Every structure is written in C-alpha cells, then in structure tokens.
Amino acid sequence: MSDKGKPDAKEGAAPAEAGGAKSPLPLFLVVLIGVPLICYGIVDFLVVPKLTAAMGIEKGEHGGDDHGAAAGAHGKAPKETTVEFEKSMVSLSGSAGNRYLRVTFVLAGKNAELKEVVEKNQAQLKDAVITVLSAMTLGDVEKSDGRDVVKRALLSRMNGVLGADLITQIYFTEFVIQ
C-alpha cells in the first residue's frame, strides 16, 4: 500500500508542475534589461536637463552628452581660465581665537581676462575672502557639505566684488581646520 501511495503522489505532482508552473526566465530578463533602461531614460531626459538648467549650463557647454571633458579637450567648449589665489588663514567665528581655517584655492572662469581682473582687484578680493571665512563657525565648515557652503559663499562675495559672474568655480587645493 505504501508503494502504491508514493507513485500516485509522483504522478499527481508531475502534471501540476508541467502545466501550472512557467519559467521565470522571461520575467527576469525583462527586469534585468528594462529597469536599467527606464532609469537611464529618466535620468537622461528628466533629471539632467533640470540640473543643467538649475546650474545655468547651456546646451553648448554640456554638449548634450556625457563627454563634457572630452569636448573641452577638442576645443568645442570654451577653455576654462584658472587663477591661483594666495593662501588665506582666519580665526573661525565663535572659537575665541582657538580654531583656525587655512585655505588655498584656484579660481576658474570662462573669461580669458580673469587673471588680469583678479590681479587688479587683489586687495578687495582678499578682503572678501577674509570676511567670508572669518564669519564661518567650526560647525559650518565641519559639516558634510561644509566645503560646498564655503565655496558658494566665496563665489557669491567675490563675484559681487568684481561686479559680474566672472568666477564660475573654486577648486580648493588646501582646506585645513586647526
């Protein structure tokens, strides 16, 4: 009797598996290929245009592709002019003179005359840097986005001194909190 029960169970199970269950491979392939394609489409057609518009980048500057650095190397995009700015060291606000911030950075912009303009306004720009940095607290610069906060503040103040948005980027070469 026990032998009869076992073959019946196997026979009964076999038709259910063959007729009722389908292979998960097509669904797996659709998910494996479809999801990345959908994500790429969303990023490329929705997110990137909104970010470039928010950052003020024109289509000619970005070129509509991910090869912006290569475009600059081939002369398609205007070359970035850089100017090294002298080292600045200030006492952080609220530290009673015990905590210091020392930065060295490079200014960058699209204007070919950036170097001459910066040299001409060196004293005013140095004053602007000292004013911005000495207003920062230790908490401001130690946050995860502290360097970005400092960059934005410096960009705004320095471009205000120059009277135009000549400086488009600041690259820190030294950022020391002591």
N, C-alpha and C. Protein backbone atom coordinates (compact mmCIF):
# COMPACT_ATOMS: atom_id res chain seq x y z
N MET A 1 0.80 -1.18 0.00
CA MET A 1 0.00 0.00 0.00
C MET A 1 0.85 1.27 0.00
N SER A 2 1.89 1.17 0.74
CA SER A 2 2.75 2.34 0.79
C SER A 2 3.44 2.57 -0.55
N ASP A 3 3.71 1.49 -1.29
CA ASP A 3 4.31 1.65 -2.61
C ASP A 3 3.34 2.30 -3.58
N LYS A 4 2.08 1.94 -3.47
CA LYS A 4 1.07 2.50 -4.35
C LYS A 4 0.87 3.99 -4.08
N GLY A 5 0.97 4.41 -2.83
CA GLY A 5 0.75 5.81 -2.47
C GLY A 5 1.86 6.71 -3.00
N LYS A 6 3.05 6.19 -3.01
CA LYS A 6 4.17 7.01 -3.48
C LYS A 6 4.10 7.28 -4.97
N PRO A 7 3.88 6.26 -5.82
CA PRO A 7 3.80 6.56 -7.25
C PRO A 7 2.64 7.47 -7.57
N ASP A 8 1.53 7.34 -6.87
CA ASP A 8 0.39 8.21 -7.14
C ASP A 8 0.74 9.67 -6.84
N ALA A 9 1.50 9.86 -5.77
CA ALA A 9 1.89 11.22 -5.39
C ALA A 9 2.80 11.80 -6.46
N LYS A 10 3.69 10.99 -6.98
CA LYS A 10 4.60 11.48 -8.02
C LYS A 10 3.84 11.77 -9.30
N GLU A 11 2.93 10.90 -9.65
CA GLU A 11 2.15 11.10 -10.87
C GLU A 11 1.28 12.34 -10.74
N GLY A 12 0.71 12.52 -9.58
CA GLY A 12 -0.17 13.67 -9.36
C GLY A 12 0.62 14.98 -9.36
N ALA A 13 1.86 14.94 -8.90
CA ALA A 13 2.67 16.15 -8.81
C ALA A 13 3.23 16.54 -10.17
N ALA A 14 3.53 15.57 -10.99
CA ALA A 14 4.17 15.85 -12.27
C ALA A 14 3.28 16.68 -13.19
N PRO A 15 2.03 16.36 -13.40
CA PRO A 15 1.20 17.17 -14.29
C PRO A 15 1.01 18.59 -13.75
N ALA A 16 0.95 18.77 -12.48
CA ALA A 16 0.76 20.11 -11.92
C ALA A 16 1.98 20.98 -12.23
N GLU A 17 3.19 20.39 -12.11
CA GLU A 17 4.41 21.15 -12.38
C GLU A 17 4.51 21.49 -13.86
N ALA A 18 4.23 20.53 -14.72
CA ALA A 18 4.38 20.74 -16.15
C ALA A 18 3.36 21.74 -16.68
N GLY A 19 2.13 21.67 -16.24
CA GLY A 19 1.09 22.54 -16.79
C GLY A 19 0.96 23.86 -16.07
N GLY A 20 1.17 23.92 -14.75
CA GLY A 20 0.87 25.11 -13.97
C GLY A 20 2.04 26.07 -13.81
N ALA A 21 3.26 25.60 -13.74
CA ALA A 21 4.40 26.46 -13.46
C ALA A 21 5.08 26.89 -14.76
N LYS A 22 5.41 28.21 -14.84
CA LYS A 22 6.10 28.71 -16.02
C LYS A 22 7.51 29.12 -15.60
N SER A 23 8.37 29.19 -16.57
CA SER A 23 9.76 29.56 -16.31
C SER A 23 9.85 31.03 -15.93
N PRO A 24 10.62 31.38 -14.91
CA PRO A 24 10.77 32.79 -14.51
C PRO A 24 11.79 33.53 -15.37
N LEU A 25 12.41 32.87 -16.33
CA LEU A 25 13.47 33.49 -17.14
C LEU A 25 12.98 34.70 -17.93
N PRO A 26 11.86 34.67 -18.65
CA PRO A 26 11.44 35.88 -19.39
C PRO A 26 11.20 37.09 -18.49
N LEU A 27 10.56 36.86 -17.37
CA LEU A 27 10.33 37.96 -16.44
C LEU A 27 11.65 38.49 -15.90
N PHE A 28 12.56 37.62 -15.59
CA PHE A 28 13.88 38.00 -15.08
C PHE A 28 14.61 38.84 -16.13
N LEU A 29 14.56 38.44 -17.39
CA LEU A 29 15.23 39.19 -18.45
C LEU A 29 14.60 40.57 -18.65
N VAL A 30 13.28 40.64 -18.57
CA VAL A 30 12.60 41.93 -18.70
C VAL A 30 13.04 42.87 -17.58
N VAL A 31 13.10 42.37 -16.38
CA VAL A 31 13.51 43.19 -15.24
C VAL A 31 14.99 43.56 -15.36
N LEU A 32 15.81 42.61 -15.74
CA LEU A 32 17.26 42.83 -15.84
C LEU A 32 17.59 43.87 -16.91
N ILE A 33 16.87 43.89 -18.00
CA ILE A 33 17.15 44.83 -19.09
C ILE A 33 16.26 46.06 -18.99
N GLY A 34 15.01 45.90 -18.67
CA GLY A 34 14.06 47.00 -18.67
C GLY A 34 14.28 48.04 -17.60
N VAL A 35 14.54 47.62 -16.39
CA VAL A 35 14.70 48.57 -15.28
C VAL A 35 15.89 49.51 -15.50
N PRO A 36 17.08 49.01 -15.87
CA PRO A 36 18.16 49.96 -16.14
C PRO A 36 17.85 50.92 -17.30
N LEU A 37 17.17 50.43 -18.33
CA LEU A 37 16.82 51.31 -19.44
C LEU A 37 15.85 52.41 -19.00
N ILE A 38 14.89 52.06 -18.19
CA ILE A 38 13.94 53.05 -17.68
C ILE A 38 14.67 54.07 -16.80
N CYS A 39 15.55 53.60 -15.94
CA CYS A 39 16.32 54.51 -15.07
C CYS A 39 17.18 55.45 -15.91
N TYR A 40 17.84 54.92 -16.93
CA TYR A 40 18.67 55.75 -17.80
C TYR A 40 17.82 56.83 -18.48
N GLY A 41 16.67 56.43 -18.98
CA GLY A 41 15.78 57.38 -19.65
C GLY A 41 15.33 58.49 -18.72
N ILE A 42 14.96 58.14 -17.52
CA ILE A 42 14.51 59.14 -16.54
C ILE A 42 15.63 60.12 -16.23
N VAL A 43 16.82 59.59 -15.98
CA VAL A 43 17.95 60.46 -15.63
C VAL A 43 18.34 61.33 -16.82
N ASP A 44 18.47 60.73 -18.00
CA ASP A 44 18.95 61.47 -19.16
C ASP A 44 17.96 62.50 -19.67
N PHE A 45 16.67 62.20 -19.63
CA PHE A 45 15.69 63.10 -20.21
C PHE A 45 14.95 63.97 -19.21
N LEU A 46 15.00 63.63 -17.92
CA LEU A 46 14.30 64.45 -16.93
C LEU A 46 15.25 65.12 -15.94
N VAL A 47 16.13 64.34 -15.33
CA VAL A 47 16.97 64.85 -14.25
C VAL A 47 18.09 65.75 -14.79
N VAL A 48 18.83 65.28 -15.79
CA VAL A 48 19.96 66.04 -16.31
C VAL A 48 19.53 67.39 -16.87
N PRO A 49 18.48 67.47 -17.68
CA PRO A 49 18.07 68.80 -18.16
C PRO A 49 17.69 69.76 -17.03
N LYS A 50 17.02 69.25 -16.00
CA LYS A 50 16.64 70.12 -14.88
C LYS A 50 17.88 70.59 -14.11
N LEU A 51 18.85 69.70 -13.91
CA LEU A 51 20.07 70.08 -13.21
C LEU A 51 20.88 71.09 -14.01
N THR A 52 21.02 70.85 -15.30
CA THR A 52 21.79 71.80 -16.12
C THR A 52 21.11 73.15 -16.18
N ALA A 53 19.79 73.17 -16.21
CA ALA A 53 19.07 74.44 -16.21
C ALA A 53 19.25 75.15 -14.87
N ALA A 54 19.20 74.40 -13.79
CA ALA A 54 19.37 75.00 -12.46
C ALA A 54 20.77 75.52 -12.25
N MET A 55 21.75 74.87 -12.86
CA MET A 55 23.15 75.29 -12.72
C MET A 55 23.52 76.37 -13.72
N GLY A 56 22.61 76.67 -14.67
CA GLY A 56 22.88 77.70 -15.65
C GLY A 56 23.78 77.25 -16.78
N ILE A 57 23.87 75.96 -16.99
CA ILE A 57 24.70 75.44 -18.07
C ILE A 57 23.87 75.40 -19.33
N GLU A 58 24.39 76.01 -20.39
CA GLU A 58 23.69 75.99 -21.66
C GLU A 58 24.00 74.71 -22.39
N LYS A 59 23.17 74.37 -23.35
CA LYS A 59 23.34 73.13 -24.09
C LYS A 59 24.70 73.08 -24.78
N GLY A 60 25.21 74.18 -25.28
CA GLY A 60 26.51 74.21 -25.93
C GLY A 60 27.64 73.88 -24.98
N GLU A 61 27.49 74.24 -23.70
CA GLU A 61 28.53 73.96 -22.72
C GLU A 61 28.58 72.50 -22.37
N HIS A 62 27.40 71.87 -22.27
CA HIS A 62 27.34 70.46 -21.89
C HIS A 62 27.45 69.58 -23.11
N GLY A 63 26.95 70.05 -24.24
CA GLY A 63 27.02 69.30 -25.48
C GLY A 63 25.98 68.22 -25.58
N GLY A 64 25.12 68.06 -24.60
CA GLY A 64 24.08 67.06 -24.66
C GLY A 64 24.57 65.65 -24.44
N ASP A 65 25.82 65.47 -24.08
CA ASP A 65 26.31 64.12 -23.82
C ASP A 65 27.17 64.11 -22.57
N ASP A 66 27.66 62.96 -22.23
CA ASP A 66 28.46 62.81 -21.01
C ASP A 66 29.94 63.00 -21.28
N HIS A 67 30.31 63.60 -22.39
CA HIS A 67 31.72 63.74 -22.74
C HIS A 67 32.14 65.20 -22.66
N GLY A 68 31.68 65.91 -21.64
CA GLY A 68 31.99 67.32 -21.48
C GLY A 68 33.47 67.58 -21.36
N ALA A 69 34.19 66.74 -20.65
CA ALA A 69 35.63 66.93 -20.50
C ALA A 69 36.32 66.71 -21.84
N ALA A 70 35.88 65.73 -22.58
CA ALA A 70 36.48 65.46 -23.88
C ALA A 70 36.18 66.59 -24.84
N ALA A 71 35.01 67.20 -24.75
CA ALA A 71 34.66 68.31 -25.63
C ALA A 71 35.60 69.48 -25.38
N GLY A 72 35.92 69.73 -24.13
CA GLY A 72 36.85 70.80 -23.82
C GLY A 72 38.22 70.52 -24.39
N ALA A 73 38.64 69.28 -24.40
CA ALA A 73 39.94 68.91 -24.93
C ALA A 73 40.00 69.07 -26.43
N HIS A 74 38.86 68.96 -27.12
CA HIS A 74 38.83 69.07 -28.56
C HIS A 74 38.49 70.48 -29.02
N GLY A 75 38.36 71.42 -28.11
CA GLY A 75 38.12 72.80 -28.47
C GLY A 75 36.67 73.14 -28.76
N LYS A 76 35.73 72.28 -28.50
CA LYS A 76 34.33 72.56 -28.76
C LYS A 76 33.76 73.51 -27.71
N ALA A 77 34.17 73.37 -26.47
CA ALA A 77 33.69 74.22 -25.39
C ALA A 77 34.76 75.27 -25.08
N PRO A 78 34.35 76.45 -24.58
CA PRO A 78 35.35 77.46 -24.23
C PRO A 78 36.27 76.94 -23.13
N LYS A 79 37.53 77.28 -23.25
CA LYS A 79 38.51 76.80 -22.29
C LYS A 79 38.36 77.55 -20.97
N GLU A 80 38.52 76.82 -19.89
CA GLU A 80 38.41 77.39 -18.56
C GLU A 80 39.73 78.09 -18.20
N THR A 81 39.63 79.33 -17.74
CA THR A 81 40.79 80.07 -17.29
C THR A 81 40.90 79.92 -15.78
N THR A 82 42.09 79.63 -15.28
CA THR A 82 42.27 79.46 -13.84
C THR A 82 43.30 80.46 -13.32
N VAL A 83 43.09 80.86 -12.07
CA VAL A 83 43.99 81.78 -11.39
C VAL A 83 44.20 81.26 -9.98
N GLU A 84 45.45 81.08 -9.60
CA GLU A 84 45.75 80.63 -8.24
C GLU A 84 45.60 81.82 -7.30
N PHE A 85 44.86 81.61 -6.21
CA PHE A 85 44.65 82.66 -5.22
C PHE A 85 45.55 82.37 -4.03
N GLU A 86 46.06 83.42 -3.42
CA GLU A 86 47.00 83.22 -2.32
C GLU A 86 46.36 82.56 -1.10
N LYS A 87 47.19 81.93 -0.31
CA LYS A 87 46.75 81.24 0.90
C LYS A 87 46.10 82.23 1.87
N SER A 88 44.99 81.80 2.48
CA SER A 88 44.29 82.63 3.45
C SER A 88 44.09 81.85 4.74
N MET A 89 44.31 82.53 5.86
CA MET A 89 44.14 81.88 7.16
C MET A 89 43.38 82.85 8.07
N VAL A 90 42.29 82.34 8.67
CA VAL A 90 41.46 83.18 9.54
C VAL A 90 41.09 82.40 10.80
N SER A 91 40.73 83.16 11.83
CA SER A 91 40.18 82.58 13.04
C SER A 91 38.69 82.37 12.81
N LEU A 92 38.19 81.18 13.14
CA LEU A 92 36.78 80.89 12.93
C LEU A 92 35.91 81.63 13.95
N SER A 93 34.76 82.05 13.53
CA SER A 93 33.83 82.78 14.38
C SER A 93 33.37 81.90 15.55
N GLY A 94 33.31 82.50 16.72
CA GLY A 94 32.83 81.78 17.90
C GLY A 94 33.85 80.84 18.52
N SER A 95 35.09 80.90 18.07
CA SER A 95 36.10 79.98 18.61
C SER A 95 37.03 80.66 19.61
N ALA A 96 36.77 81.93 19.89
CA ALA A 96 37.60 82.71 20.82
C ALA A 96 39.08 82.66 20.41
N GLY A 97 39.32 82.61 19.11
CA GLY A 97 40.69 82.62 18.60
C GLY A 97 41.42 81.31 18.73
N ASN A 98 40.71 80.23 19.07
CA ASN A 98 41.37 78.94 19.27
C ASN A 98 41.33 78.03 18.04
N ARG A 99 40.44 78.30 17.10
CA ARG A 99 40.29 77.45 15.92
C ARG A 99 40.53 78.28 14.66
N TYR A 100 41.31 77.74 13.75
CA TYR A 100 41.68 78.45 12.54
C TYR A 100 41.28 77.65 11.30
N LEU A 101 41.03 78.38 10.23
CA LEU A 101 40.77 77.78 8.93
C LEU A 101 41.81 78.34 7.96
N ARG A 102 42.52 77.43 7.30
CA ARG A 102 43.51 77.83 6.30
C ARG A 102 43.12 77.22 4.97
N VAL A 103 42.98 78.06 3.96
CA VAL A 103 42.59 77.58 2.64
C VAL A 103 43.51 78.15 1.58
N THR A 104 43.71 77.35 0.56
CA THR A 104 44.35 77.78 -0.67
C THR A 104 43.45 77.26 -1.77
N PHE A 105 43.20 78.08 -2.78
CA PHE A 105 42.30 77.65 -3.82
C PHE A 105 42.65 78.28 -5.16
N VAL A 106 42.02 77.74 -6.18
CA VAL A 106 42.17 78.21 -7.55
C VAL A 106 40.81 78.70 -8.01
N LEU A 107 40.80 79.88 -8.62
CA LEU A 107 39.57 80.44 -9.18
C LEU A 107 39.49 80.04 -10.65
N ALA A 108 38.30 79.74 -11.12
CA ALA A 108 38.14 79.34 -12.52
C ALA A 108 36.96 80.09 -13.12
N GLY A 109 37.08 80.37 -14.41
CA GLY A 109 36.02 81.05 -15.13
C GLY A 109 36.22 80.92 -16.63
N LYS A 110 35.23 81.33 -17.39
CA LYS A 110 35.28 81.23 -18.86
C LYS A 110 35.92 82.46 -19.50
N ASN A 111 36.04 83.55 -18.76
CA ASN A 111 36.59 84.80 -19.27
C ASN A 111 38.11 84.69 -19.38
N ALA A 112 38.65 84.96 -20.55
CA ALA A 112 40.09 84.86 -20.78
C ALA A 112 40.86 85.91 -19.98
N GLU A 113 40.20 87.01 -19.59
CA GLU A 113 40.85 88.09 -18.86
C GLU A 113 40.70 87.94 -17.35
N LEU A 114 40.31 86.77 -16.89
CA LEU A 114 40.08 86.56 -15.46
C LEU A 114 41.32 86.87 -14.64
N LYS A 115 42.47 86.43 -15.10
CA LYS A 115 43.71 86.64 -14.35
C LYS A 115 43.99 88.13 -14.14
N GLU A 116 43.82 88.93 -15.18
CA GLU A 116 44.07 90.37 -15.07
C GLU A 116 43.06 91.03 -14.13
N VAL A 117 41.80 90.63 -14.21
CA VAL A 117 40.76 91.20 -13.36
C VAL A 117 41.02 90.86 -11.89
N VAL A 118 41.43 89.60 -11.63
CA VAL A 118 41.72 89.19 -10.25
C VAL A 118 42.92 89.95 -9.72
N GLU A 119 43.97 90.08 -10.51
CA GLU A 119 45.16 90.81 -10.07
C GLU A 119 44.84 92.28 -9.80
N LYS A 120 44.00 92.87 -10.63
CA LYS A 120 43.63 94.28 -10.49
C LYS A 120 42.84 94.51 -9.20
N ASN A 121 42.03 93.52 -8.81
CA ASN A 121 41.17 93.64 -7.62
C ASN A 121 41.65 92.77 -6.46
N GLN A 122 42.94 92.48 -6.42
CA GLN A 122 43.50 91.55 -5.43
C GLN A 122 43.16 91.95 -3.99
N ALA A 123 43.31 93.22 -3.64
CA ALA A 123 43.08 93.66 -2.27
C ALA A 123 41.60 93.50 -1.88
N GLN A 124 40.69 93.88 -2.77
CA GLN A 124 39.26 93.76 -2.49
C GLN A 124 38.85 92.29 -2.38
N LEU A 125 39.40 91.45 -3.25
CA LEU A 125 39.08 90.02 -3.21
C LEU A 125 39.63 89.37 -1.95
N LYS A 126 40.84 89.74 -1.55
CA LYS A 126 41.43 89.19 -0.31
C LYS A 126 40.57 89.59 0.88
N ASP A 127 40.12 90.85 0.91
CA ASP A 127 39.24 91.30 1.99
C ASP A 127 37.93 90.51 2.00
N ALA A 128 37.38 90.26 0.82
CA ALA A 128 36.13 89.49 0.72
C ALA A 128 36.33 88.07 1.24
N VAL A 129 37.46 87.46 0.91
CA VAL A 129 37.76 86.10 1.37
C VAL A 129 37.86 86.08 2.90
N ILE A 130 38.60 87.02 3.45
CA ILE A 130 38.77 87.08 4.91
C ILE A 130 37.42 87.31 5.59
N THR A 131 36.61 88.18 5.04
CA THR A 131 35.29 88.47 5.61
C THR A 131 34.41 87.23 5.62
N VAL A 132 34.36 86.54 4.49
CA VAL A 132 33.52 85.33 4.39
C VAL A 132 34.03 84.23 5.32
N LEU A 133 35.32 83.96 5.27
CA LEU A 133 35.86 82.85 6.07
C LEU A 133 35.79 83.12 7.57
N SER A 134 36.04 84.35 7.99
CA SER A 134 36.02 84.65 9.42
C SER A 134 34.60 84.66 9.97
N ALA A 135 33.59 84.73 9.11
CA ALA A 135 32.20 84.66 9.55
C ALA A 135 31.74 83.21 9.74
N MET A 136 32.52 82.26 9.23
CA MET A 136 32.17 80.84 9.35
C MET A 136 32.47 80.34 10.76
N THR A 137 31.63 79.44 11.24
CA THR A 137 31.87 78.81 12.53
C THR A 137 32.47 77.43 12.30
N LEU A 138 32.97 76.83 13.35
CA LEU A 138 33.53 75.48 13.25
C LEU A 138 32.45 74.51 12.77
N GLY A 139 31.24 74.68 13.25
CA GLY A 139 30.14 73.82 12.82
C GLY A 139 29.84 73.95 11.33
N ASP A 140 29.96 75.18 10.81
CA ASP A 140 29.71 75.40 9.38
C ASP A 140 30.69 74.62 8.51
N VAL A 141 31.95 74.66 8.85
CA VAL A 141 32.97 74.04 7.99
C VAL A 141 33.16 72.55 8.25
N GLU A 142 32.72 72.06 9.40
CA GLU A 142 32.88 70.63 9.69
C GLU A 142 31.73 69.78 9.19
N LYS A 143 30.64 70.39 8.76
CA LYS A 143 29.51 69.63 8.23
C LYS A 143 29.94 68.86 6.99
N SER A 144 29.14 67.89 6.59
CA SER A 144 29.48 67.10 5.41
C SER A 144 29.55 67.96 4.15
N ASP A 145 28.74 69.02 4.09
CA ASP A 145 28.78 69.91 2.92
C ASP A 145 29.47 71.23 3.25
N GLY A 146 30.32 71.23 4.26
CA GLY A 146 30.99 72.46 4.71
C GLY A 146 31.82 73.13 3.63
N ARG A 147 32.55 72.35 2.87
CA ARG A 147 33.38 72.93 1.80
C ARG A 147 32.50 73.56 0.73
N ASP A 148 31.38 72.91 0.43
CA ASP A 148 30.47 73.47 -0.58
C ASP A 148 29.85 74.77 -0.10
N VAL A 149 29.53 74.84 1.19
CA VAL A 149 28.98 76.08 1.76
C VAL A 149 30.01 77.20 1.64
N VAL A 150 31.26 76.89 1.96
CA VAL A 150 32.32 77.89 1.85
C VAL A 150 32.50 78.31 0.40
N LYS A 151 32.51 77.35 -0.52
CA LYS A 151 32.66 77.67 -1.95
C LYS A 151 31.56 78.61 -2.43
N ARG A 152 30.31 78.28 -2.10
CA ARG A 152 29.19 79.12 -2.55
C ARG A 152 29.30 80.53 -1.98
N ALA A 153 29.65 80.63 -0.71
CA ALA A 153 29.77 81.95 -0.07
C ALA A 153 30.90 82.75 -0.71
N LEU A 154 32.03 82.10 -0.97
CA LEU A 154 33.15 82.79 -1.60
C LEU A 154 32.80 83.22 -3.03
N LEU A 155 32.18 82.33 -3.79
CA LEU A 155 31.78 82.66 -5.16
C LEU A 155 30.87 83.88 -5.19
N SER A 156 29.87 83.88 -4.34
CA SER A 156 28.92 84.97 -4.30
C SER A 156 29.60 86.29 -3.95
N ARG A 157 30.40 86.27 -2.90
CA ARG A 157 31.04 87.50 -2.42
C ARG A 157 32.09 88.02 -3.41
N MET A 158 32.89 87.11 -3.98
CA MET A 158 33.94 87.53 -4.91
C MET A 158 33.35 88.05 -6.22
N ASN A 159 32.32 87.40 -6.73
CA ASN A 159 31.67 87.90 -7.94
C ASN A 159 30.98 89.23 -7.67
N GLY A 160 30.49 89.43 -6.44
CA GLY A 160 29.92 90.72 -6.07
C GLY A 160 30.97 91.82 -6.10
N VAL A 161 32.16 91.51 -5.63
CA VAL A 161 33.26 92.48 -5.67
C VAL A 161 33.63 92.81 -7.11
N LEU A 162 33.63 91.79 -7.98
CA LEU A 162 34.01 92.01 -9.37
C LEU A 162 32.89 92.64 -10.20
N GLY A 163 31.67 92.60 -9.69
CA GLY A 163 30.55 93.20 -10.39
C GLY A 163 29.97 92.35 -11.51
N ALA A 164 30.43 91.13 -11.63
CA ALA A 164 29.92 90.22 -12.66
C ALA A 164 30.26 88.79 -12.25
N ASP A 165 29.58 87.83 -12.85
CA ASP A 165 29.83 86.42 -12.53
C ASP A 165 31.00 85.88 -13.35
N LEU A 166 32.17 86.44 -13.12
CA LEU A 166 33.37 86.02 -13.85
C LEU A 166 33.93 84.71 -13.31
N ILE A 167 33.77 84.50 -12.01
CA ILE A 167 34.29 83.27 -11.38
C ILE A 167 33.16 82.26 -11.38
N THR A 168 33.39 81.12 -12.01
CA THR A 168 32.35 80.10 -12.09
C THR A 168 32.60 78.93 -11.15
N GLN A 169 33.84 78.77 -10.70
CA GLN A 169 34.17 77.63 -9.84
C GLN A 169 35.37 77.97 -8.97
N ILE A 170 35.38 77.37 -7.80
CA ILE A 170 36.52 77.47 -6.89
C ILE A 170 36.98 76.05 -6.61
N TYR A 171 38.28 75.81 -6.79
CA TYR A 171 38.86 74.49 -6.51
C TYR A 171 39.80 74.63 -5.32
N PHE A 172 39.47 73.98 -4.22
CA PHE A 172 40.34 74.03 -3.06
C PHE A 172 41.56 73.16 -3.30
N THR A 173 42.74 73.70 -3.04
CA THR A 173 43.96 72.90 -3.09
C THR A 173 44.46 72.65 -1.67
N GLU A 174 43.91 73.39 -0.72
CA GLU A 174 44.22 73.17 0.70
C GLU A 174 43.01 73.64 1.51
N PHE A 175 42.59 72.84 2.47
CA PHE A 175 41.46 73.18 3.33
C PHE A 175 41.77 72.55 4.69
N VAL A 176 42.31 73.35 5.61
CA VAL A 176 42.77 72.83 6.89
C VAL A 176 42.06 73.54 8.03
N ILE A 177 41.48 72.75 8.93
CA ILE A 177 40.87 73.29 10.13
C ILE A 177 41.79 72.91 11.28
N GLN A 178 42.19 73.90 12.05
CA GLN A 178 43.12 73.62 13.15
C GLN A 178 42.59 74.18 14.44
